[in-house]
Amino acid sequence: MVLRLLQLLLLGILTLVFMKEEEIPSQSKWIRFCHECNSFDGFQCRVPMKHCWKFNIFSKNNRSCTTEHYYYYHRVTGRYFYHYTRLSCKVCEEGMVQVFHDLLKETHCCTDKPLCNTGH
């Protein structure tokens, strides 16, 4: 009996996790869905875009979708220029960080709705 209940519980969780984004309820309180792309050029993903998910019940930082903009330093002009964007589900800490001597990372977090990290 207990094994059967466990199987039904796992089936329900897997059904929710592997739903297409069109079928996701707009007010999902337990799971956060986000876009995932390692090479976003500002308009579109250079590789096929994926979706990731995380439980929406832990700390406030963990409930967010992450957008990371990378800028490189141009030595001649002395300015930072946009290089690429990375979209993910990882834990988010908003702000700017100097990754290398010539690479700057700007991080944005969004928690307002599912699939909110669109790269803009």
PDB file of N, CA and C in Angstrom:
ATOM      1  N   MET A   1       0.819  -1.193   0.000  1.00  0.00           N
ATOM      2  CA  MET A   1       0.000   0.000   0.000  1.00  0.00           C
ATOM      3  C   MET A   1       0.866   1.261   0.000  1.00  0.00           C
ATOM      4  N   VAL A   2       1.881   1.293   0.873  1.00  0.00           N
ATOM      5  CA  VAL A   2       2.764   2.453   0.964  1.00  0.00           C
ATOM      6  C   VAL A   2       3.565   2.605  -0.324  1.00  0.00           C
ATOM      7  N   LEU A   3       3.998   1.491  -0.893  1.00  0.00           N
ATOM      8  CA  LEU A   3       4.754   1.529  -2.145  1.00  0.00           C
ATOM      9  C   LEU A   3       3.898   2.089  -3.275  1.00  0.00           C
ATOM     10  N   ARG A   4       2.638   1.719  -3.321  1.00  0.00           N
ATOM     11  CA  ARG A   4       1.722   2.222  -4.354  1.00  0.00           C
ATOM     12  C   ARG A   4       1.518   3.739  -4.208  1.00  0.00           C
ATOM     13  N   LEU A   5       1.365   4.230  -2.978  1.00  0.00           N
ATOM     14  CA  LEU A   5       1.212   5.664  -2.746  1.00  0.00           C
ATOM     15  C   LEU A   5       2.472   6.425  -3.148  1.00  0.00           C
ATOM     16  N   LEU A   6       3.630   5.851  -2.873  1.00  0.00           N
ATOM     17  CA  LEU A   6       4.890   6.477  -3.265  1.00  0.00           C
ATOM     18  C   LEU A   6       5.009   6.553  -4.788  1.00  0.00           C
ATOM     19  N   GLN A   7       4.599   5.492  -5.479  1.00  0.00           N
ATOM     20  CA  GLN A   7       4.629   5.499  -6.943  1.00  0.00           C
ATOM     21  C   GLN A   7       3.709   6.580  -7.509  1.00  0.00           C
ATOM     22  N   LEU A   8       2.523   6.727  -6.952  1.00  0.00           N
ATOM     23  CA  LEU A   8       1.591   7.751  -7.424  1.00  0.00           C
ATOM     24  C   LEU A   8       2.121   9.156  -7.150  1.00  0.00           C
ATOM     25  N   LEU A   9       2.754   9.351  -6.011  1.00  0.00           N
ATOM     26  CA  LEU A   9       3.345  10.647  -5.690  1.00  0.00           C
ATOM     27  C   LEU A   9       4.461  10.994  -6.675  1.00  0.00           C
ATOM     28  N   LEU A  10       5.341  10.053  -6.950  1.00  0.00           N
ATOM     29  CA  LEU A  10       6.427  10.288  -7.907  1.00  0.00           C
ATOM     30  C   LEU A  10       5.890  10.531  -9.311  1.00  0.00           C
ATOM     31  N   LEU A  11       4.847   9.833  -9.702  1.00  0.00           N
ATOM     32  CA  LEU A  11       4.240  10.045 -11.011  1.00  0.00           C
ATOM     33  C   LEU A  11       3.677  11.458 -11.118  1.00  0.00           C
ATOM     34  N   GLY A  12       3.033  11.938 -10.065  1.00  0.00           N
ATOM     35  CA  GLY A  12       2.505  13.302 -10.068  1.00  0.00           C
ATOM     36  C   GLY A  12       3.600  14.346 -10.150  1.00  0.00           C
ATOM     37  N   ILE A  13       4.684  14.144  -9.420  1.00  0.00           N
ATOM     38  CA  ILE A  13       5.804  15.095  -9.458  1.00  0.00           C
ATOM     39  C   ILE A  13       6.449  15.105 -10.832  1.00  0.00           C
ATOM     40  N   LEU A  14       6.701  13.945 -11.410  1.00  0.00           N
ATOM     41  CA  LEU A  14       7.323  13.876 -12.736  1.00  0.00           C
ATOM     42  C   LEU A  14       6.431  14.483 -13.813  1.00  0.00           C
ATOM     43  N   THR A  15       5.132  14.305 -13.694  1.00  0.00           N
ATOM     44  CA  THR A  15       4.212  14.914 -14.659  1.00  0.00           C
ATOM     45  C   THR A  15       4.308  16.423 -14.606  1.00  0.00           C
ATOM     46  N   LEU A  16       4.355  16.986 -13.427  1.00  0.00           N
ATOM     47  CA  LEU A  16       4.456  18.437 -13.270  1.00  0.00           C
ATOM     48  C   LEU A  16       5.796  18.966 -13.769  1.00  0.00           C
ATOM     49  N   VAL A  17       6.867  18.254 -13.483  1.00  0.00           N
ATOM     50  CA  VAL A  17       8.206  18.714 -13.862  1.00  0.00           C
ATOM     51  C   VAL A  17       8.406  18.698 -15.373  1.00  0.00           C
ATOM     52  N   PHE A  18       7.906  17.687 -16.060  1.00  0.00           N
ATOM     53  CA  PHE A  18       8.150  17.549 -17.489  1.00  0.00           C
ATOM     54  C   PHE A  18       7.027  18.089 -18.368  1.00  0.00           C
ATOM     55  N   MET A  19       6.192  18.968 -17.831  1.00  0.00           N
ATOM     56  CA  MET A  19       5.146  19.601 -18.631  1.00  0.00           C
ATOM     57  C   MET A  19       5.760  20.603 -19.590  1.00  0.00           C
ATOM     58  N   LYS A  20       5.142  20.810 -20.730  1.00  0.00           N
ATOM     59  CA  LYS A  20       5.586  21.853 -21.653  1.00  0.00           C
ATOM     60  C   LYS A  20       5.234  23.207 -21.060  1.00  0.00           C
ATOM     61  N   GLU A  21       5.969  24.256 -21.464  1.00  0.00           N
ATOM     62  CA  GLU A  21       5.752  25.562 -20.848  1.00  0.00           C
ATOM     63  C   GLU A  21       4.372  26.129 -21.148  1.00  0.00           C
ATOM     64  N   GLU A  22       3.729  25.707 -22.248  1.00  0.00           N
ATOM     65  CA  GLU A  22       2.380  26.189 -22.540  1.00  0.00           C
ATOM     66  C   GLU A  22       1.368  25.627 -21.544  1.00  0.00           C
ATOM     67  N   GLU A  23       1.683  24.464 -20.973  1.00  0.00           N
ATOM     68  CA  GLU A  23       0.766  23.807 -20.060  1.00  0.00           C
ATOM     69  C   GLU A  23       0.999  24.196 -18.604  1.00  0.00           C
ATOM     70  N   ILE A  24       2.016  25.002 -18.345  1.00  0.00           N
ATOM     71  CA  ILE A  24       2.356  25.370 -16.973  1.00  0.00           C
ATOM     72  C   ILE A  24       1.306  26.335 -16.428  1.00  0.00           C
ATOM     73  N   PRO A  25       0.748  26.066 -15.268  1.00  0.00           N
ATOM     74  CA  PRO A  25      -0.191  27.026 -14.677  1.00  0.00           C
ATOM     75  C   PRO A  25       0.516  28.348 -14.406  1.00  0.00           C
ATOM     76  N   SER A  26      -0.159  29.446 -14.671  1.00  0.00           N
ATOM     77  CA  SER A  26       0.484  30.755 -14.540  1.00  0.00           C
ATOM     78  C   SER A  26       0.799  31.111 -13.090  1.00  0.00           C
ATOM     79  N   GLN A  27       0.093  30.560 -12.146  1.00  0.00           N
ATOM     80  CA  GLN A  27       0.324  30.878 -10.738  1.00  0.00           C
ATOM     81  C   GLN A  27       0.901  29.677  -9.990  1.00  0.00           C
ATOM     82  N   SER A  28       1.866  28.997 -10.590  1.00  0.00           N
ATOM     83  CA  SER A  28       2.502  27.864  -9.931  1.00  0.00           C
ATOM     84  C   SER A  28       3.256  28.344  -8.697  1.00  0.00           C
ATOM     85  N   LYS A  29       2.887  27.842  -7.528  1.00  0.00           N
ATOM     86  CA  LYS A  29       3.483  28.313  -6.288  1.00  0.00           C
ATOM     87  C   LYS A  29       4.645  27.445  -5.830  1.00  0.00           C
ATOM     88  N   TRP A  30       4.766  26.241  -6.330  1.00  0.00           N
ATOM     89  CA  TRP A  30       5.745  25.310  -5.798  1.00  0.00           C
ATOM     90  C   TRP A  30       6.979  25.155  -6.674  1.00  0.00           C
ATOM     91  N   ILE A  31       6.847  25.386  -7.968  1.00  0.00           N
ATOM     92  CA  ILE A  31       7.963  25.179  -8.890  1.00  0.00           C
ATOM     93  C   ILE A  31       8.149  26.419  -9.747  1.00  0.00           C
ATOM     94  N   ARG A  32       9.390  26.848  -9.916  1.00  0.00           N
ATOM     95  CA  ARG A  32       9.734  28.003 -10.758  1.00  0.00           C
ATOM     96  C   ARG A  32      10.393  27.475 -12.033  1.00  0.00           C
ATOM     97  N   PHE A  33       9.860  27.858 -13.191  1.00  0.00           N
ATOM     98  CA  PHE A  33      10.446  27.508 -14.480  1.00  0.00           C
ATOM     99  C   PHE A  33      11.192  28.717 -15.025  1.00  0.00           C
ATOM    100  N   CYS A  34      12.359  28.487 -15.608  1.00  0.00           N
ATOM    101  CA  CYS A  34      13.194  29.564 -16.144  1.00  0.00           C
ATOM    102  C   CYS A  34      13.739  29.157 -17.511  1.00  0.00           C
ATOM    103  N   HIS A  35      14.127  30.158 -18.293  1.00  0.00           N
ATOM    104  CA  HIS A  35      14.840  29.895 -19.539  1.00  0.00           C
ATOM    105  C   HIS A  35      16.274  29.521 -19.197  1.00  0.00           C
ATOM    106  N   GLU A  36      16.878  28.674 -20.036  1.00  0.00           N
ATOM    107  CA  GLU A  36      18.281  28.311 -19.849  1.00  0.00           C
ATOM    108  C   GLU A  36      18.989  28.373 -21.192  1.00  0.00           C
ATOM    109  N   CYS A  37      20.020  29.203 -21.265  1.00  0.00           N
ATOM    110  CA  CYS A  37      20.796  29.361 -22.493  1.00  0.00           C
ATOM    111  C   CYS A  37      22.190  29.841 -22.112  1.00  0.00           C
ATOM    112  N   ASN A  38      23.214  29.162 -22.594  1.00  0.00           N
ATOM    113  CA  ASN A  38      24.586  29.549 -22.267  1.00  0.00           C
ATOM    114  C   ASN A  38      25.151  30.585 -23.218  1.00  0.00           C
ATOM    115  N   SER A  39      24.503  30.811 -24.346  1.00  0.00           N
ATOM    116  CA  SER A  39      25.030  31.762 -25.325  1.00  0.00           C
ATOM    117  C   SER A  39      23.877  32.544 -25.952  1.00  0.00           C
ATOM    118  N   PHE A  40      23.379  33.526 -25.245  1.00  0.00           N
ATOM    119  CA  PHE A  40      22.283  34.377 -25.699  1.00  0.00           C
ATOM    120  C   PHE A  40      22.893  35.672 -26.211  1.00  0.00           C
ATOM    121  N   ASP A  41      22.587  36.070 -27.439  1.00  0.00           N
ATOM    122  CA  ASP A  41      23.253  37.234 -28.037  1.00  0.00           C
ATOM    123  C   ASP A  41      22.502  38.546 -27.833  1.00  0.00           C
ATOM    124  N   GLY A  42      21.468  38.547 -27.029  1.00  0.00           N
ATOM    125  CA  GLY A  42      20.683  39.750 -26.792  1.00  0.00           C
ATOM    126  C   GLY A  42      19.331  39.702 -27.476  1.00  0.00           C
ATOM    127  N   PHE A  43      19.219  38.889 -28.523  1.00  0.00           N
ATOM    128  CA  PHE A  43      17.963  38.750 -29.258  1.00  0.00           C
ATOM    129  C   PHE A  43      17.480  37.313 -29.283  1.00  0.00           C
ATOM    130  N   GLN A  44      18.396  36.377 -29.430  1.00  0.00           N
ATOM    131  CA  GLN A  44      18.017  34.974 -29.494  1.00  0.00           C
ATOM    132  C   GLN A  44      19.153  34.106 -28.968  1.00  0.00           C
ATOM    133  N   CYS A  45      18.807  32.882 -28.637  1.00  0.00           N
ATOM    134  CA  CYS A  45      19.800  31.934 -28.153  1.00  0.00           C
ATOM    135  C   CYS A  45      20.532  31.347 -29.355  1.00  0.00           C
ATOM    136  N   ARG A  46      21.852  31.289 -29.300  1.00  0.00           N
ATOM    137  CA  ARG A  46      22.647  30.767 -30.420  1.00  0.00           C
ATOM    138  C   ARG A  46      22.563  29.254 -30.522  1.00  0.00           C
ATOM    139  N   VAL A  47      22.195  28.599 -29.450  1.00  0.00           N
ATOM    140  CA  VAL A  47      21.956  27.155 -29.432  1.00  0.00           C
ATOM    141  C   VAL A  47      20.486  26.961 -29.061  1.00  0.00           C
ATOM    142  N   PRO A  48      19.917  25.780 -29.264  1.00  0.00           N
ATOM    143  CA  PRO A  48      18.511  25.596 -28.885  1.00  0.00           C
ATOM    144  C   PRO A  48      18.278  25.926 -27.406  1.00  0.00           C
ATOM    145  N   MET A  49      17.293  26.790 -27.157  1.00  0.00           N
ATOM    146  CA  MET A  49      17.003  27.216 -25.785  1.00  0.00           C
ATOM    147  C   MET A  49      16.338  26.084 -25.018  1.00  0.00           C
ATOM    148  N   LYS A  50      16.741  25.940 -23.775  1.00  0.00           N
ATOM    149  CA  LYS A  50      16.179  24.925 -22.894  1.00  0.00           C
ATOM    150  C   LYS A  50      15.412  25.618 -21.778  1.00  0.00           C
ATOM    151  N   HIS A  51      14.747  24.821 -20.974  1.00  0.00           N
ATOM    152  CA  HIS A  51      14.060  25.335 -19.795  1.00  0.00           C
ATOM    153  C   HIS A  51      14.552  24.552 -18.590  1.00  0.00           C
ATOM    154  N   CYS A  52      14.704  25.226 -17.488  1.00  0.00           N
ATOM    155  CA  CYS A  52      15.100  24.572 -16.254  1.00  0.00           C
ATOM    156  C   CYS A  52      14.049  24.885 -15.193  1.00  0.00           C
ATOM    157  N   TRP A  53      14.102  24.187 -14.091  1.00  0.00           N
ATOM    158  CA  TRP A  53      13.133  24.401 -13.029  1.00  0.00           C
ATOM    159  C   TRP A  53      13.818  24.264 -11.680  1.00  0.00           C
ATOM    160  N   LYS A  54      13.182  24.797 -10.670  1.00  0.00           N
ATOM    161  CA  LYS A  54      13.644  24.659  -9.292  1.00  0.00           C
ATOM    162  C   LYS A  54      12.438  24.776  -8.377  1.00  0.00           C
ATOM    163  N   PHE A  55      12.578  24.225  -7.192  1.00  0.00           N
ATOM    164  CA  PHE A  55      11.501  24.342  -6.217  1.00  0.00           C
ATOM    165  C   PHE A  55      11.403  25.780  -5.743  1.00  0.00           C
ATOM    166  N   ASN A  56      10.204  26.270  -5.609  1.00  0.00           N
ATOM    167  CA  ASN A  56       9.941  27.671  -5.285  1.00  0.00           C
ATOM    168  C   ASN A  56       9.626  27.859  -3.802  1.00  0.00           C
ATOM    169  N   ILE A  57      10.147  26.969  -2.947  1.00  0.00           N
ATOM    170  CA  ILE A  57       9.758  27.012  -1.540  1.00  0.00           C
ATOM    171  C   ILE A  57      10.910  27.315  -0.604  1.00  0.00           C
ATOM    172  N   PHE A  58      12.113  27.498  -1.139  1.00  0.00           N
ATOM    173  CA  PHE A  58      13.276  27.720  -0.283  1.00  0.00           C
ATOM    174  C   PHE A  58      13.534  29.208  -0.114  1.00  0.00           C
ATOM    175  N   SER A  59      14.755  29.582   0.155  1.00  0.00           N
ATOM    176  CA  SER A  59      15.091  30.977   0.441  1.00  0.00           C
ATOM    177  C   SER A  59      14.745  31.900  -0.720  1.00  0.00           C
ATOM    178  N   LYS A  60      14.652  33.185  -0.431  1.00  0.00           N
ATOM    179  CA  LYS A  60      14.249  34.170  -1.436  1.00  0.00           C
ATOM    180  C   LYS A  60      15.214  34.205  -2.616  1.00  0.00           C
ATOM    181  N   ASN A  61      16.521  34.065  -2.374  1.00  0.00           N
ATOM    182  CA  ASN A  61      17.500  34.079  -3.460  1.00  0.00           C
ATOM    183  C   ASN A  61      17.351  32.883  -4.382  1.00  0.00           C
ATOM    184  N   ASN A  62      16.911  31.753  -3.854  1.00  0.00           N
ATOM    185  CA  ASN A  62      16.801  30.541  -4.659  1.00  0.00           C
ATOM    186  C   ASN A  62      15.562  30.547  -5.541  1.00  0.00           C
ATOM    187  N   ARG A  63      14.596  31.410  -5.283  1.00  0.00           N
ATOM    188  CA  ARG A  63      13.349  31.407  -6.042  1.00  0.00           C
ATOM    189  C   ARG A  63      13.438  32.185  -7.345  1.00  0.00           C
ATOM    190  N   SER A  64      14.590  32.689  -7.691  1.00  0.00           N
ATOM    191  CA  SER A  64      14.693  33.590  -8.832  1.00  0.00           C
ATOM    192  C   SER A  64      15.304  32.912 -10.045  1.00  0.00           C
ATOM    193  N   CYS A  65      14.990  33.463 -11.216  1.00  0.00           N
ATOM    194  CA  CYS A  65      15.651  33.097 -12.461  1.00  0.00           C
ATOM    195  C   CYS A  65      16.783  34.100 -12.675  1.00  0.00           C
ATOM    196  N   THR A  66      17.887  33.656 -13.238  1.00  0.00           N
ATOM    197  CA  THR A  66      19.084  34.478 -13.339  1.00  0.00           C
ATOM    198  C   THR A  66      19.373  34.881 -14.779  1.00  0.00           C
ATOM    199  N   THR A  67      19.711  36.154 -14.971  1.00  0.00           N
ATOM    200  CA  THR A  67      20.192  36.683 -16.246  1.00  0.00           C
ATOM    201  C   THR A  67      21.547  37.318 -15.988  1.00  0.00           C
ATOM    202  N   GLU A  68      22.590  36.808 -16.655  1.00  0.00           N
ATOM    203  CA  GLU A  68      23.944  37.335 -16.476  1.00  0.00           C
ATOM    204  C   GLU A  68      24.423  37.940 -17.784  1.00  0.00           C
ATOM    205  N   HIS A  69      24.708  39.233 -17.774  1.00  0.00           N
ATOM    206  CA  HIS A  69      25.251  39.925 -18.941  1.00  0.00           C
ATOM    207  C   HIS A  69      26.761  40.029 -18.766  1.00  0.00           C
ATOM    208  N   TYR A  70      27.513  39.685 -19.812  1.00  0.00           N
ATOM    209  CA  TYR A  70      28.975  39.770 -19.772  1.00  0.00           C
ATOM    210  C   TYR A  70      29.441  40.885 -20.699  1.00  0.00           C
ATOM    211  N   TYR A  71      30.377  41.681 -20.204  1.00  0.00           N
ATOM    212  CA  TYR A  71      30.943  42.799 -20.957  1.00  0.00           C
ATOM    213  C   TYR A  71      32.462  42.653 -20.969  1.00  0.00           C
ATOM    214  N   TYR A  72      33.088  42.951 -22.106  1.00  0.00           N
ATOM    215  CA  TYR A  72      34.547  42.914 -22.170  1.00  0.00           C
ATOM    216  C   TYR A  72      35.090  44.335 -22.239  1.00  0.00           C
ATOM    217  N   TYR A  73      36.295  44.509 -21.735  1.00  0.00           N
ATOM    218  CA  TYR A  73      36.936  45.816 -21.672  1.00  0.00           C
ATOM    219  C   TYR A  73      37.753  46.044 -22.940  1.00  0.00           C
ATOM    220  N   HIS A  74      37.495  47.144 -23.623  1.00  0.00           N
ATOM    221  CA  HIS A  74      38.230  47.509 -24.829  1.00  0.00           C
ATOM    222  C   HIS A  74      39.332  48.482 -24.421  1.00  0.00           C
ATOM    223  N   ARG A  75      40.572  48.073 -24.563  1.00  0.00           N
ATOM    224  CA  ARG A  75      41.700  48.856 -24.043  1.00  0.00           C
ATOM    225  C   ARG A  75      41.899  50.177 -24.776  1.00  0.00           C
ATOM    226  N   VAL A  76      41.595  50.226 -26.066  1.00  0.00           N
ATOM    227  CA  VAL A  76      41.823  51.446 -26.839  1.00  0.00           C
ATOM    228  C   VAL A  76      40.855  52.550 -26.416  1.00  0.00           C
ATOM    229  N   THR A  77      39.567  52.208 -26.297  1.00  0.00           N
ATOM    230  CA  THR A  77      38.563  53.215 -25.943  1.00  0.00           C
ATOM    231  C   THR A  77      38.395  53.379 -24.434  1.00  0.00           C
ATOM    232  N   GLY A  78      38.808  52.366 -23.667  1.00  0.00           N
ATOM    233  CA  GLY A  78      38.657  52.437 -22.217  1.00  0.00           C
ATOM    234  C   GLY A  78      37.232  52.210 -21.745  1.00  0.00           C
ATOM    235  N   ARG A  79      36.425  51.508 -22.545  1.00  0.00           N
ATOM    236  CA  ARG A  79      35.018  51.248 -22.206  1.00  0.00           C
ATOM    237  C   ARG A  79      34.738  49.753 -22.205  1.00  0.00           C
ATOM    238  N   TYR A  80      33.612  49.398 -21.550  1.00  0.00           N
ATOM    239  CA  TYR A  80      33.145  48.018 -21.566  1.00  0.00           C
ATOM    240  C   TYR A  80      32.080  47.875 -22.645  1.00  0.00           C
ATOM    241  N   PHE A  81      32.183  46.806 -23.446  1.00  0.00           N
ATOM    242  CA  PHE A  81      31.221  46.530 -24.507  1.00  0.00           C
ATOM    243  C   PHE A  81      30.530  45.197 -24.242  1.00  0.00           C
ATOM    244  N   TYR A  82      29.253  45.130 -24.638  1.00  0.00           N
ATOM    245  CA  TYR A  82      28.454  43.916 -24.448  1.00  0.00           C
ATOM    246  C   TYR A  82      29.083  42.758 -25.209  1.00  0.00           C
ATOM    247  N   HIS A  83      29.163  41.590 -24.563  1.00  0.00           N
ATOM    248  CA  HIS A  83      29.735  40.402 -25.198  1.00  0.00           C
ATOM    249  C   HIS A  83      28.667  39.325 -25.415  1.00  0.00           C
ATOM    250  N   TYR A  84      28.027  38.840 -24.339  1.00  0.00           N
ATOM    251  CA  TYR A  84      26.947  37.862 -24.450  1.00  0.00           C
ATOM    252  C   TYR A  84      26.187  37.795 -23.134  1.00  0.00           C
ATOM    253  N   THR A  85      25.084  37.033 -23.135  1.00  0.00           N
ATOM    254  CA  THR A  85      24.240  36.862 -21.950  1.00  0.00           C
ATOM    255  C   THR A  85      24.066  35.380 -21.673  1.00  0.00           C
ATOM    256  N   ARG A  86      23.947  35.035 -20.407  1.00  0.00           N
ATOM    257  CA  ARG A  86      23.705  33.656 -19.993  1.00  0.00           C
ATOM    258  C   ARG A  86      22.430  33.640 -19.150  1.00  0.00           C
ATOM    259  N   LEU A  87      21.478  32.766 -19.495  1.00  0.00           N
ATOM    260  CA  LEU A  87      20.216  32.610 -18.763  1.00  0.00           C
ATOM    261  C   LEU A  87      20.264  31.285 -18.011  1.00  0.00           C
ATOM    262  N   SER A  88      19.831  31.276 -16.735  1.00  0.00           N
ATOM    263  CA  SER A  88      19.917  30.036 -15.971  1.00  0.00           C
ATOM    264  C   SER A  88      18.948  30.029 -14.789  1.00  0.00           C
ATOM    265  N   CYS A  89      18.960  28.895 -14.077  1.00  0.00           N
ATOM    266  CA  CYS A  89      18.158  28.695 -12.872  1.00  0.00           C
ATOM    267  C   CYS A  89      18.996  28.736 -11.609  1.00  0.00           C
ATOM    268  N   LYS A  90      20.265  29.058 -11.718  1.00  0.00           N
ATOM    269  CA  LYS A  90      21.122  28.971 -10.538  1.00  0.00           C
ATOM    270  C   LYS A  90      20.778  30.054  -9.515  1.00  0.00           C
ATOM    271  N   VAL A  91      21.260  29.866  -8.307  1.00  0.00           N
ATOM    272  CA  VAL A  91      21.002  30.817  -7.225  1.00  0.00           C
ATOM    273  C   VAL A  91      21.538  32.184  -7.628  1.00  0.00           C
ATOM    274  N   CYS A  92      20.750  33.212  -7.394  1.00  0.00           N
ATOM    275  CA  CYS A  92      21.057  34.536  -7.930  1.00  0.00           C
ATOM    276  C   CYS A  92      21.480  35.506  -6.839  1.00  0.00           C
ATOM    277  N   GLU A  93      22.574  36.221  -7.104  1.00  0.00           N
ATOM    278  CA  GLU A  93      22.997  37.351  -6.280  1.00  0.00           C
ATOM    279  C   GLU A  93      23.158  38.535  -7.209  1.00  0.00           C
ATOM    280  N   GLU A  94      22.251  39.482  -7.100  1.00  0.00           N
ATOM    281  CA  GLU A  94      22.218  40.611  -8.019  1.00  0.00           C
ATOM    282  C   GLU A  94      23.405  41.540  -7.795  1.00  0.00           C
ATOM    283  N   GLY A  95      23.951  42.059  -8.902  1.00  0.00           N
ATOM    284  CA  GLY A  95      25.054  43.007  -8.804  1.00  0.00           C
ATOM    285  C   GLY A  95      26.039  42.856  -9.949  1.00  0.00           C
ATOM    286  N   MET A  96      27.179  43.534  -9.819  1.00  0.00           N
ATOM    287  CA  MET A  96      28.229  43.488 -10.834  1.00  0.00           C
ATOM    288  C   MET A  96      29.509  42.947 -10.204  1.00  0.00           C
ATOM    289  N   VAL A  97      30.217  42.082 -10.962  1.00  0.00           N
ATOM    290  CA  VAL A  97      31.435  41.447 -10.481  1.00  0.00           C
ATOM    291  C   VAL A  97      32.478  41.486 -11.590  1.00  0.00           C
ATOM    292  N   GLN A  98      33.718  41.789 -11.237  1.00  0.00           N
ATOM    293  CA  GLN A  98      34.830  41.739 -12.189  1.00  0.00           C
ATOM    294  C   GLN A  98      35.307  40.290 -12.219  1.00  0.00           C
ATOM    295  N   VAL A  99      34.990  39.552 -13.296  1.00  0.00           N
ATOM    296  CA  VAL A  99      35.330  38.139 -13.392  1.00  0.00           C
ATOM    297  C   VAL A  99      36.827  37.978 -13.650  1.00  0.00           C
ATOM    298  N   PHE A 100      37.332  38.637 -14.671  1.00  0.00           N
ATOM    299  CA  PHE A 100      38.756  38.691 -14.985  1.00  0.00           C
ATOM    300  C   PHE A 100      39.142  40.155 -15.094  1.00  0.00           C
ATOM    301  N   HIS A 101      40.385  40.429 -15.443  1.00  0.00           N
ATOM    302  CA  HIS A 101      40.817  41.819 -15.554  1.00  0.00           C
ATOM    303  C   HIS A 101      40.116  42.562 -16.683  1.00  0.00           C
ATOM    304  N   ASP A 102      39.607  41.838 -17.681  1.00  0.00           N
ATOM    305  CA  ASP A 102      38.943  42.501 -18.806  1.00  0.00           C
ATOM    306  C   ASP A 102      37.523  41.987 -19.048  1.00  0.00           C
ATOM    307  N   LEU A 103      36.914  41.302 -18.070  1.00  0.00           N
ATOM    308  CA  LEU A 103      35.563  40.755 -18.220  1.00  0.00           C
ATOM    309  C   LEU A 103      34.718  41.135 -17.006  1.00  0.00           C
ATOM    310  N   LEU A 104      33.589  41.779 -17.266  1.00  0.00           N
ATOM    311  CA  LEU A 104      32.681  42.242 -16.221  1.00  0.00           C
ATOM    312  C   LEU A 104      31.365  41.480 -16.343  1.00  0.00           C
ATOM    313  N   LYS A 105      30.812  41.029 -15.205  1.00  0.00           N
ATOM    314  CA  LYS A 105      29.544  40.292 -15.198  1.00  0.00           C
ATOM    315  C   LYS A 105      28.512  41.093 -14.425  1.00  0.00           C
ATOM    316  N   GLU A 106      27.353  41.333 -15.062  1.00  0.00           N
ATOM    317  CA  GLU A 106      26.230  42.019 -14.426  1.00  0.00           C
ATOM    318  C   GLU A 106      25.100  41.007 -14.275  1.00  0.00           C
ATOM    319  N   THR A 107      24.592  40.830 -13.061  1.00  0.00           N
ATOM    320  CA  THR A 107      23.583  39.812 -12.787  1.00  0.00           C
ATOM    321  C   THR A 107      22.258  40.458 -12.405  1.00  0.00           C
ATOM    322  N   HIS A 108      21.173  39.981 -13.042  1.00  0.00           N
ATOM    323  CA  HIS A 108      19.811  40.406 -12.712  1.00  0.00           C
ATOM    324  C   HIS A 108      19.031  39.183 -12.243  1.00  0.00           C
ATOM    325  N   CYS A 109      18.181  39.369 -11.239  1.00  0.00           N
ATOM    326  CA  CYS A 109      17.332  38.304 -10.718  1.00  0.00           C
ATOM    327  C   CYS A 109      15.870  38.693 -10.925  1.00  0.00           C
ATOM    328  N   CYS A 110      15.032  37.737 -11.289  1.00  0.00           N
ATOM    329  CA  CYS A 110      13.601  38.026 -11.408  1.00  0.00           C
ATOM    330  C   CYS A 110      12.815  36.944 -10.680  1.00  0.00           C
ATOM    331  N   THR A 111      11.798  37.360  -9.965  1.00  0.00           N
ATOM    332  CA  THR A 111      10.971  36.430  -9.196  1.00  0.00           C
ATOM    333  C   THR A 111       9.491  36.646  -9.457  1.00  0.00           C
ATOM    334  N   ASP A 112       9.137  37.516 -10.387  1.00  0.00           N
ATOM    335  CA  ASP A 112       7.736  37.913 -10.523  1.00  0.00           C
ATOM    336  C   ASP A 112       6.851  36.881 -11.207  1.00  0.00           C
ATOM    337  N   LYS A 113       7.391  36.072 -12.125  1.00  0.00           N
ATOM    338  CA  LYS A 113       6.567  35.090 -12.834  1.00  0.00           C
ATOM    339  C   LYS A 113       7.457  34.003 -13.421  1.00  0.00           C
ATOM    340  N   PRO A 114       6.886  32.873 -13.840  1.00  0.00           N
ATOM    341  CA  PRO A 114       7.680  31.832 -14.489  1.00  0.00           C
ATOM    342  C   PRO A 114       8.224  32.316 -15.835  1.00  0.00           C
ATOM    343  N   LEU A 115       9.375  31.798 -16.215  1.00  0.00           N
ATOM    344  CA  LEU A 115      10.036  32.132 -17.482  1.00  0.00           C
ATOM    345  C   LEU A 115      10.268  33.635 -17.612  1.00  0.00           C
ATOM    346  N   CYS A 116      10.676  34.282 -16.524  1.00  0.00           N
ATOM    347  CA  CYS A 116      10.831  35.741 -16.525  1.00  0.00           C
ATOM    348  C   CYS A 116      12.211  36.191 -16.975  1.00  0.00           C
ATOM    349  N   ASN A 117      13.190  35.297 -17.077  1.00  0.00           N
ATOM    350  CA  ASN A 117      14.526  35.709 -17.520  1.00  0.00           C
ATOM    351  C   ASN A 117      14.605  35.611 -19.047  1.00  0.00           C
ATOM    352  N   THR A 118      14.240  36.697 -19.703  1.00  0.00           N
ATOM    353  CA  THR A 118      14.186  36.722 -21.167  1.00  0.00           C
ATOM    354  C   THR A 118      15.438  37.306 -21.796  1.00  0.00           C
ATOM    355  N   GLY A 119      16.381  37.763 -21.003  1.00  0.00           N
ATOM    356  CA  GLY A 119      17.619  38.310 -21.528  1.00  0.00           C
ATOM    357  C   GLY A 119      17.593  39.799 -21.746  1.00  0.00           C
ATOM    358  N   HIS A 120      16.507  40.461 -21.403  1.00  0.00           N
ATOM    359  CA  HIS A 120      16.416  41.917 -21.612  1.00  0.00           C
ATOM    360  C   HIS A 120      16.495  42.642 -20.294  1.00  0.00           C
TER     361      HIS A 120
END
